[in-house]
Amino acid sequence: MDEDKIEIILWDWLKTKGQNILKIYFNRKNKLNAPTFKTKGINKKPDFLIKIDRGFGIEFIAVEIKDNTKSKNILDSGKILDIYYENFINKKTKYFIDNKQIRINHFVIATQSSPLGFLFKKEKIKIAKESQNKSKKYVASIGLIPQSEGDLSHQFIRNLWSRHNRIKLKEIKPSIGILIGIEPSIFIKIFVDWLKDKKPKWGQRFWQI
């Protein structure tokens, strides 16, 4: 599928189903006449920026969009780490909206199947409450992971997080993950440093946006 068509599919899904989305920015002029963002430095940039407010202040999500007609397209999207993520945390690429520099809080990957709850074209769906793993049932019940996951997406994101473990992080620690769900949500690995009674550490979160 043409990437322009996928962008429109995802833009419409985000605009109509998102609860905390304020604006969606494209990386170039577009058929929808939607606002755009710019970068300075190493000028390689993701497809979308999503501006959200979940009640804890403004956040920005960088979205790399892939056509899932071929699985290879998704598997190759690991460049979100190698290029966008590392260039951002190493201050080699800076992001701007209306000439004002912004901070990226989350980097995620999406496809035309994201509104269905997974990334790849065809996946077997696993329901958390049907799992024999009590821990999985529990973390799904409290919103740390999705209630259902595609088997290929499950494997892909765990591999992505494993690669993320090898990055030498600076003081900037944006999350990394995927954009999925009937209602748009990010499934991310995030640096949890806001719990006063616990030591900061990386953890999984599944947040509706």
Protein backbone atom coordinates (compact mmCIF):
# COMPACT_ATOMS: atom_id res chain seq x y z
CA MET A 1 0.00 0.00 0.00
CA ASP A 2 1.20 3.51 -0.77
CA GLU A 3 2.58 5.17 2.37
CA ASP A 4 0.51 8.32 1.74
CA LYS A 5 -2.66 6.19 2.00
CA ILE A 6 -1.44 4.59 5.22
CA GLU A 7 -0.77 8.03 6.68
CA ILE A 8 -4.34 9.10 5.90
CA ILE A 9 -5.74 5.89 7.45
CA LEU A 10 -3.76 6.49 10.63
CA TRP A 11 -4.46 10.24 10.70
CA ASP A 12 -8.23 9.58 10.48
CA TRP A 13 -8.05 6.88 13.18
CA LEU A 14 -6.08 9.14 15.52
CA LYS A 15 -8.31 12.16 14.92
CA THR A 16 -11.58 10.28 15.39
CA LYS A 17 -10.65 7.77 18.10
CA GLY A 18 -7.91 9.51 20.11
CA GLN A 19 -9.04 10.97 23.43
CA ASN A 20 -5.98 12.98 24.42
CA ILE A 21 -4.63 14.02 21.03
CA LEU A 22 -4.26 17.76 20.47
CA LYS A 23 -2.60 17.85 17.03
CA ILE A 24 -0.94 15.63 14.45
CA TYR A 25 2.03 16.96 12.50
CA PHE A 26 3.40 15.57 9.22
CA ASN A 27 7.06 15.65 8.24
CA ARG A 28 6.21 17.45 4.98
CA LYS A 29 3.42 19.26 3.16
CA ASN A 30 0.48 16.91 2.73
CA LYS A 31 -2.87 16.38 1.02
CA LEU A 32 -4.74 17.01 4.29
CA ASN A 33 -3.11 20.40 4.76
CA ALA A 34 -2.21 19.24 8.28
CA PRO A 35 0.51 21.15 10.18
CA THR A 36 4.13 20.09 9.80
CA PHE A 37 7.25 19.81 11.92
CA LYS A 38 10.90 20.39 11.05
CA THR A 39 14.24 19.03 12.19
CA LYS A 40 17.71 20.52 12.36
CA GLY A 41 21.02 18.71 12.46
CA ILE A 42 20.97 15.22 10.95
CA ASN A 43 17.86 15.69 8.85
CA LYS A 44 16.32 12.22 9.06
CA LYS A 45 12.89 12.29 10.61
CA PRO A 46 9.88 10.06 11.34
CA ASP A 47 6.55 10.45 9.55
CA PHE A 48 4.31 11.93 12.27
CA LEU A 49 4.53 13.83 15.50
CA ILE A 50 1.49 13.53 17.77
CA LYS A 51 0.92 16.18 20.42
CA ILE A 52 -0.96 14.79 23.42
CA ASP A 53 -2.00 15.78 26.93
CA ARG A 54 -3.02 12.90 29.19
CA GLY A 55 -3.48 15.29 32.12
CA PHE A 56 0.20 15.42 33.04
CA GLY A 57 1.35 18.08 30.59
CA ILE A 58 2.16 18.23 26.89
CA GLU A 59 4.00 15.26 25.36
CA PHE A 60 5.13 14.49 21.82
CA ILE A 61 5.12 11.08 20.15
CA ALA A 62 7.31 10.47 17.09
CA VAL A 63 5.76 7.88 14.77
CA GLU A 64 7.55 5.83 12.12
CA ILE A 65 4.94 4.47 9.69
CA LYS A 66 5.47 1.23 7.76
CA ASP A 67 3.51 -0.65 5.12
CA ASN A 68 2.91 -4.17 6.43
CA THR A 69 2.26 -5.71 3.00
CA LYS A 70 5.73 -7.20 3.44
CA SER A 71 6.84 -8.22 6.93
CA LYS A 72 10.36 -7.10 6.07
CA ASN A 73 9.20 -3.48 6.11
CA ILE A 74 8.33 -3.76 9.79
CA LEU A 75 11.41 -5.74 10.71
CA ASP A 76 13.53 -3.03 9.07
CA SER A 77 11.81 -0.34 11.14
CA GLY A 78 14.36 -0.92 13.87
CA LYS A 79 16.01 2.18 12.40
CA ILE A 80 13.72 4.09 14.73
CA LEU A 81 16.35 3.20 17.34
CA ASP A 82 19.48 3.39 15.20
CA ILE A 83 18.61 6.72 13.59
CA TYR A 84 15.78 8.72 15.13
CA TYR A 85 16.13 7.66 18.76
CA GLU A 86 19.91 7.77 19.05
CA ASN A 87 20.22 11.00 17.05
CA PHE A 88 17.71 12.60 19.39
CA ILE A 89 19.26 11.49 22.68
CA ASN A 90 22.73 12.42 21.39
CA LYS A 91 21.42 15.85 20.33
CA LYS A 92 22.34 15.29 16.69
CA THR A 93 18.76 15.94 15.56
CA LYS A 94 16.52 18.62 17.06
CA TYR A 95 12.78 18.91 16.48
CA PHE A 96 10.84 22.13 15.90
CA ILE A 97 7.21 23.17 15.58
CA ASP A 98 6.55 26.78 14.54
CA ASN A 99 10.27 27.47 15.03
CA LYS A 100 10.07 26.38 18.68
CA GLN A 101 12.22 23.44 19.76
CA ILE A 102 10.31 20.56 21.34
CA ARG A 103 11.24 17.42 23.26
CA ILE A 104 10.20 14.00 21.98
CA ASN A 105 8.83 11.86 24.82
CA HIS A 106 8.04 8.67 22.90
CA PHE A 107 9.22 6.97 19.70
CA VAL A 108 6.79 4.41 18.24
CA ILE A 109 6.17 2.33 15.12
CA ALA A 110 2.78 2.00 13.38
CA THR A 111 1.30 0.26 10.33
CA GLN A 112 -2.08 0.19 8.58
CA SER A 113 -3.05 -2.64 10.97
CA SER A 114 -2.38 -0.58 14.10
CA PRO A 115 -6.11 0.28 14.44
CA LEU A 116 -6.77 -3.48 14.61
CA GLY A 117 -4.42 -3.89 17.57
CA PHE A 118 -1.29 -5.28 15.91
CA LEU A 119 1.41 -4.41 13.35
CA PHE A 120 1.79 -7.27 10.88
CA LYS A 121 -0.66 -8.14 8.11
CA LYS A 122 -1.73 -11.46 9.61
CA GLU A 123 -1.28 -12.38 13.25
CA LYS A 124 -2.64 -14.88 15.74
CA ILE A 125 -4.22 -12.98 18.61
CA LYS A 126 -3.41 -14.00 22.17
CA ILE A 127 -5.83 -12.93 24.93
CA ALA A 128 -4.15 -12.12 28.25
CA LYS A 129 -7.01 -13.36 30.43
CA GLU A 130 -6.84 -16.74 28.69
CA SER A 131 -3.14 -17.13 29.43
CA GLN A 132 -1.86 -19.79 31.83
CA ASN A 133 0.62 -17.20 33.09
CA LYS A 134 -0.87 -15.56 36.21
CA SER A 135 1.64 -12.72 36.05
CA LYS A 136 0.58 -11.86 32.49
CA LYS A 137 -3.08 -11.85 33.50
CA TYR A 138 -2.30 -9.50 36.37
CA VAL A 139 -0.20 -6.96 34.45
CA ALA A 140 -2.83 -6.87 31.69
CA SER A 141 -5.56 -6.25 34.29
CA ILE A 142 -3.73 -3.19 35.65
CA GLY A 143 -2.92 -1.80 32.20
CA LEU A 144 0.80 -2.50 31.93
CA ILE A 145 0.31 -4.59 28.77
CA PRO A 146 -2.56 -4.88 26.24
CA GLN A 147 -5.49 -7.17 26.96
CA SER A 148 -4.72 -8.87 23.64
CA GLU A 149 -1.57 -9.06 21.51
CA GLY A 150 -0.70 -10.32 18.06
CA ASP A 151 1.93 -13.04 18.26
CA LEU A 152 4.26 -11.38 15.75
CA SER A 153 3.89 -7.93 17.28
CA HIS A 154 4.63 -9.46 20.69
CA GLN A 155 7.90 -10.90 19.42
CA PHE A 156 8.82 -7.77 17.45
CA ILE A 157 8.45 -5.34 20.33
CA ARG A 158 10.37 -7.56 22.76
CA ASN A 159 13.22 -7.72 20.24
CA LEU A 160 13.07 -3.94 19.87
CA TRP A 161 13.27 -3.49 23.64
CA SER A 162 16.18 -5.93 23.80
CA ARG A 163 18.07 -3.79 21.29
CA HIS A 164 17.17 -0.71 23.29
CA ASN A 165 18.91 -2.24 26.31
CA ARG A 166 22.22 -1.94 24.47
CA ILE A 167 21.98 1.82 23.93
CA LYS A 168 24.09 3.98 26.20
CA LEU A 169 21.50 6.45 27.40
CA LYS A 170 22.22 10.03 28.38
CA GLU A 171 20.05 12.21 30.60
CA ILE A 172 17.35 12.16 27.90
CA LYS A 173 15.34 8.95 28.17
CA PRO A 174 12.34 8.85 25.80
CA SER A 175 10.26 5.69 25.65
CA ILE A 176 10.24 3.25 22.73
CA GLY A 177 7.38 1.06 21.47
CA ILE A 178 4.45 0.68 19.09
CA LEU A 179 1.16 2.42 18.34
CA ILE A 180 -1.84 0.04 18.36
CA GLY A 181 -5.40 -0.46 19.56
CA ILE A 182 -9.03 0.01 18.58
CA GLU A 183 -8.69 3.17 20.64
CA PRO A 184 -5.21 4.56 19.83
CA SER A 185 -2.70 3.50 22.49
CA ILE A 186 1.05 3.32 22.87
CA PHE A 187 2.65 0.13 24.17
CA ILE A 188 6.02 1.33 25.39
CA LYS A 189 9.07 0.70 27.47
CA ILE A 190 9.45 3.85 29.54
CA PHE A 191 11.78 5.18 32.23
CA VAL A 192 9.57 5.26 35.33
CA ASP A 193 10.95 7.97 37.59
CA TRP A 194 7.76 9.49 39.00
CA LEU A 195 7.00 6.93 41.73
CA LYS A 196 8.23 8.54 44.95
CA ASP A 197 8.52 5.31 46.95
CA LYS A 198 10.34 3.31 44.25
CA LYS A 199 13.74 3.47 42.58
CA PRO A 200 13.57 4.78 38.96
CA LYS A 201 13.69 1.98 36.41
CA TRP A 202 12.48 0.98 32.95
CA GLY A 203 9.05 -0.62 32.75
CA GLN A 204 6.22 -1.48 30.37
CA ARG A 205 3.15 0.71 29.99
CA PHE A 206 0.07 0.57 27.77
CA TRP A 207 -1.47 4.04 27.58
CA GLN A 208 -4.44 5.28 25.63
CA ILE A 209 -3.74 8.54 23.84
